[in-house]
Amino acid sequence: MHSYQYKILVVGDLGTGKTSVLQRFVYNTFSTHYKSTIGVDFALKVVQQDSDVVVHLQLWDIAGQERFGSMTRVYYKDAIGAFLVYDVTRPKTLDHVVKWKQDLDAKVQVPGGYGDIPAILLANKIDQQANPKSKQEMTEFCVDNGFIQWFEVSAKENIGVSEAGKYLIDAILQLESTIERKNEYDDGDSAITLHEPIKLNKSNPKCCS
């Protein structure tokens, strides 16, 4: 049995439904009474990704008002994947995703010079309104801005969230496999890993176990 531990970010503008997406993914629940996240919130999820692969995820919900501030570098540290969330009922939140992605890429990279961490774009709240962007427009947007994939999701109606999560985990595991193969050809001193334990501050009252 192979066990991995990864830090995943959930970022985007205030009110795009990041916390709802995280709660749906982790606990399969939805509420209309979430308070706005202040700073950062945490959640943990264990995923049986394959018959012999268990993935422990540490998900960091980054407050929308933290956008591009100095603290995001601290929050992003050691992350190896990200969901960037926008609200299909508010087109400007998609425009702002570009700046979120640029901020992310400037502050965190895959160890060993493997480039930007895998990031997935989530078009949230499709239960309220159909995505005004066509599939072709979304795909071109992702290619232009370095997203590995996009999903239309509804945290409320449980649409697309688990599929997006599985896709991101698969992408990270593929990256892990690529790095492991490279390590086989390198000496032990230069070995790289993506899944070293990441310690959470257990004194933080927002840290969910």
Protein backbone atom coordinates (compact mmCIF):
# COMPACT_ATOMS: atom_id res chain seq x y z
CA MET A 1 0.00 0.00 0.00
CA HIS A 2 1.33 3.42 -1.00
CA SER A 3 0.42 6.42 1.14
CA TYR A 4 0.92 10.06 0.16
CA GLN A 5 0.25 13.40 1.83
CA TYR A 6 -0.32 16.57 -0.15
CA LYS A 7 -1.20 20.19 0.55
CA ILE A 8 -3.91 21.58 -1.75
CA LEU A 9 -4.99 25.22 -2.02
CA VAL A 10 -8.51 26.53 -2.65
CA VAL A 11 -8.31 30.15 -3.84
CA GLY A 12 -10.45 32.76 -5.56
CA ASP A 13 -12.40 35.93 -4.92
CA LEU A 14 -14.58 36.53 -1.89
CA GLY A 15 -18.03 34.99 -2.30
CA THR A 16 -17.21 32.58 -5.12
CA GLY A 17 -18.10 29.58 -2.96
CA LYS A 18 -14.65 28.29 -2.07
CA THR A 19 -15.68 27.17 1.40
CA SER A 20 -18.81 25.49 0.02
CA VAL A 21 -16.72 23.62 -2.56
CA LEU A 22 -14.29 22.50 0.13
CA GLN A 23 -17.07 21.38 2.47
CA ARG A 24 -18.76 19.45 -0.33
CA PHE A 25 -15.50 17.77 -1.33
CA VAL A 26 -14.38 16.90 2.19
CA TYR A 27 -17.64 16.23 4.06
CA ASN A 28 -20.22 15.97 1.24
CA THR A 29 -22.30 18.67 2.93
CA PHE A 30 -23.66 22.08 1.93
CA SER A 31 -24.94 25.03 3.95
CA THR A 32 -26.18 28.49 3.07
CA HIS A 33 -24.87 29.87 6.36
CA TYR A 34 -21.08 29.81 5.97
CA LYS A 35 -19.30 32.88 7.27
CA SER A 36 -16.64 34.52 5.14
CA THR A 37 -13.26 32.93 5.71
CA ILE A 38 -10.76 35.20 7.45
CA GLY A 39 -7.12 34.47 6.66
CA VAL A 40 -7.08 30.74 6.04
CA ASP A 41 -9.11 27.72 7.08
CA PHE A 42 -8.12 24.03 6.98
CA ALA A 43 -9.72 20.68 6.28
CA LEU A 44 -8.35 17.16 6.03
CA LYS A 45 -9.52 14.39 3.70
CA VAL A 46 -8.32 10.83 3.14
CA VAL A 47 -8.93 9.46 -0.36
CA GLN A 48 -8.63 5.83 -1.47
CA GLN A 49 -7.50 6.83 -4.94
CA ASP A 50 -6.70 3.30 -6.12
CA SER A 51 -6.66 -0.21 -4.73
CA ASP A 52 -3.15 0.34 -3.37
CA VAL A 53 -2.95 4.16 -3.15
CA VAL A 54 -4.18 6.24 -0.20
CA VAL A 55 -3.88 10.01 -0.38
CA HIS A 56 -4.05 12.29 2.67
CA LEU A 57 -5.04 15.80 1.62
CA GLN A 58 -4.54 18.98 3.62
CA LEU A 59 -6.83 21.56 2.01
CA TRP A 60 -6.21 25.24 2.69
CA ASP A 61 -9.14 27.59 2.05
CA ILE A 62 -7.55 30.99 1.37
CA ALA A 63 -9.75 34.01 2.15
CA GLY A 64 -10.70 36.07 -0.89
CA GLN A 65 -9.68 39.31 0.80
CA GLU A 66 -6.12 37.99 1.07
CA ARG A 67 -5.72 38.40 -2.67
CA PHE A 68 -2.15 39.11 -3.77
CA GLY A 69 -1.16 40.20 -0.26
CA SER A 70 2.14 39.42 1.40
CA MET A 71 0.56 36.62 3.47
CA THR A 72 -0.33 34.48 0.46
CA ARG A 73 3.32 33.44 0.14
CA VAL A 74 3.09 31.95 3.63
CA TYR A 75 -0.21 30.22 2.87
CA TYR A 76 1.01 28.82 -0.46
CA LYS A 77 4.21 27.33 0.99
CA ASP A 78 4.65 23.58 0.30
CA ALA A 79 1.42 23.32 -1.72
CA ILE A 80 1.49 20.86 -4.63
CA GLY A 81 -1.91 21.51 -6.20
CA ALA A 82 -4.69 24.09 -6.33
CA PHE A 83 -8.33 24.72 -7.13
CA LEU A 84 -9.07 28.23 -8.38
CA VAL A 85 -12.76 29.03 -8.00
CA TYR A 86 -14.89 31.63 -9.75
CA ASP A 87 -18.62 32.39 -9.72
CA VAL A 88 -20.37 31.99 -13.10
CA THR A 89 -22.95 34.63 -12.03
CA ARG A 90 -20.18 37.22 -11.57
CA PRO A 91 -18.02 37.44 -14.73
CA LYS A 92 -15.43 39.68 -13.07
CA THR A 93 -14.43 36.82 -10.77
CA LEU A 94 -13.19 34.93 -13.84
CA ASP A 95 -11.11 37.96 -14.86
CA HIS A 96 -9.62 38.02 -11.35
CA VAL A 97 -8.70 34.33 -11.60
CA VAL A 98 -5.88 35.36 -13.94
CA LYS A 99 -4.31 37.49 -11.18
CA TRP A 100 -4.82 34.72 -8.62
CA LYS A 101 -3.05 32.28 -10.94
CA GLN A 102 -0.19 34.71 -11.56
CA ASP A 103 0.19 35.24 -7.81
CA LEU A 104 0.19 31.49 -7.25
CA ASP A 105 2.78 30.79 -9.93
CA ALA A 106 5.04 33.55 -8.64
CA LYS A 107 5.06 32.21 -5.09
CA VAL A 108 5.02 28.40 -5.28
CA GLN A 109 6.58 25.90 -7.69
CA VAL A 110 6.95 22.14 -7.91
CA PRO A 111 10.22 21.15 -6.16
CA GLY A 112 13.14 20.32 -8.42
CA GLY A 113 12.38 22.79 -11.17
CA TYR A 114 9.24 21.07 -12.48
CA GLY A 115 7.38 24.32 -13.00
CA ASP A 116 3.99 25.51 -11.78
CA ILE A 117 1.95 23.34 -9.45
CA PRO A 118 -1.07 21.63 -11.09
CA ALA A 119 -4.09 23.94 -10.91
CA ILE A 120 -7.72 23.30 -11.86
CA LEU A 121 -10.27 26.01 -12.64
CA LEU A 122 -13.72 25.54 -11.09
CA ALA A 123 -16.73 27.35 -12.59
CA ASN A 124 -18.96 27.31 -9.52
CA LYS A 125 -22.68 27.99 -8.96
CA ILE A 126 -23.96 26.48 -12.21
CA ASP A 127 -27.13 25.63 -10.28
CA GLN A 128 -27.90 29.37 -10.33
CA GLN A 129 -26.91 30.13 -13.90
CA ALA A 130 -25.49 28.29 -16.90
CA ASN A 131 -21.86 29.07 -17.58
CA PRO A 132 -21.89 31.99 -20.06
CA LYS A 133 -18.57 30.78 -21.46
CA SER A 134 -18.56 28.02 -24.08
CA LYS A 135 -16.49 24.88 -23.64
CA GLN A 136 -14.10 26.12 -26.31
CA GLU A 137 -13.71 29.48 -24.56
CA MET A 138 -13.05 27.75 -21.24
CA THR A 139 -10.49 25.42 -22.76
CA GLU A 140 -8.68 28.29 -24.47
CA PHE A 141 -8.72 30.28 -21.22
CA CYS A 142 -7.11 27.35 -19.41
CA VAL A 143 -4.45 26.86 -22.07
CA ASP A 144 -3.62 30.57 -22.08
CA ASN A 145 -3.35 30.75 -18.28
CA GLY A 146 -1.71 27.45 -17.38
CA PHE A 147 -4.60 25.46 -15.92
CA ILE A 148 -4.42 21.70 -16.41
CA GLN A 149 -8.23 21.37 -16.65
CA TRP A 150 -11.55 23.05 -15.82
CA PHE A 151 -14.83 21.81 -14.40
CA GLU A 152 -18.32 23.27 -14.14
CA VAL A 153 -19.39 22.64 -10.54
CA SER A 154 -22.17 23.26 -8.08
CA ALA A 155 -21.30 22.82 -4.43
CA LYS A 156 -25.01 23.11 -3.63
CA GLU A 157 -26.19 20.40 -6.05
CA ASN A 158 -23.04 18.27 -5.75
CA ILE A 159 -22.09 18.57 -9.40
CA GLY A 160 -18.53 18.08 -10.59
CA VAL A 161 -16.74 18.58 -7.27
CA SER A 162 -15.62 14.98 -6.66
CA GLU A 163 -14.66 14.60 -10.33
CA ALA A 164 -12.46 17.70 -10.11
CA GLY A 165 -10.85 16.37 -6.94
CA LYS A 166 -10.06 13.01 -8.52
CA TYR A 167 -8.59 14.71 -11.58
CA LEU A 168 -6.27 16.88 -9.50
CA ILE A 169 -5.10 13.97 -7.36
CA ASP A 170 -4.41 11.90 -10.49
CA ALA A 171 -2.37 14.77 -11.93
CA ILE A 172 -0.31 15.08 -8.75
CA LEU A 173 0.31 11.33 -8.59
CA GLN A 174 1.43 11.36 -12.23
CA LEU A 175 3.83 14.17 -11.40
CA GLU A 176 5.04 12.19 -8.39
CA SER A 177 5.66 9.18 -10.62
CA THR A 178 7.63 11.29 -13.11
CA ILE A 179 9.84 12.65 -10.34
CA GLU A 180 10.36 9.19 -8.84
CA ARG A 181 11.52 7.86 -12.21
CA LYS A 182 13.95 10.75 -12.53
CA ASN A 183 15.25 10.10 -9.03
CA GLU A 184 16.15 6.56 -10.09
CA TYR A 185 18.70 8.03 -12.49
CA ASP A 186 20.06 10.54 -10.02
CA ASP A 187 22.19 9.94 -6.96
CA GLY A 188 20.48 9.78 -3.60
CA ASP A 189 21.60 13.25 -2.56
CA SER A 190 19.46 14.88 -5.25
CA ALA A 191 16.28 12.86 -4.70
CA ILE A 192 13.06 14.90 -4.72
CA THR A 193 9.74 14.03 -3.15
CA LEU A 194 6.36 15.74 -3.15
CA HIS A 195 4.86 14.02 -0.14
CA GLU A 196 6.98 14.79 2.90
CA PRO A 197 4.77 15.43 5.96
CA ILE A 198 3.48 18.98 6.27
CA LYS A 199 2.87 20.02 9.85
CA LEU A 200 -0.29 21.96 10.64
CA ASN A 201 -0.54 24.26 13.62
CA LYS A 202 -2.75 22.15 15.86
CA SER A 203 -3.31 25.12 18.18
CA ASN A 204 -5.24 26.88 15.42
CA PRO A 205 -8.92 26.60 16.42
CA LYS A 206 -9.92 26.50 12.74
CA CYS A 207 -7.90 23.38 12.03
CA CYS A 208 -10.29 20.50 11.39
CA SER A 209 -9.26 16.95 12.21
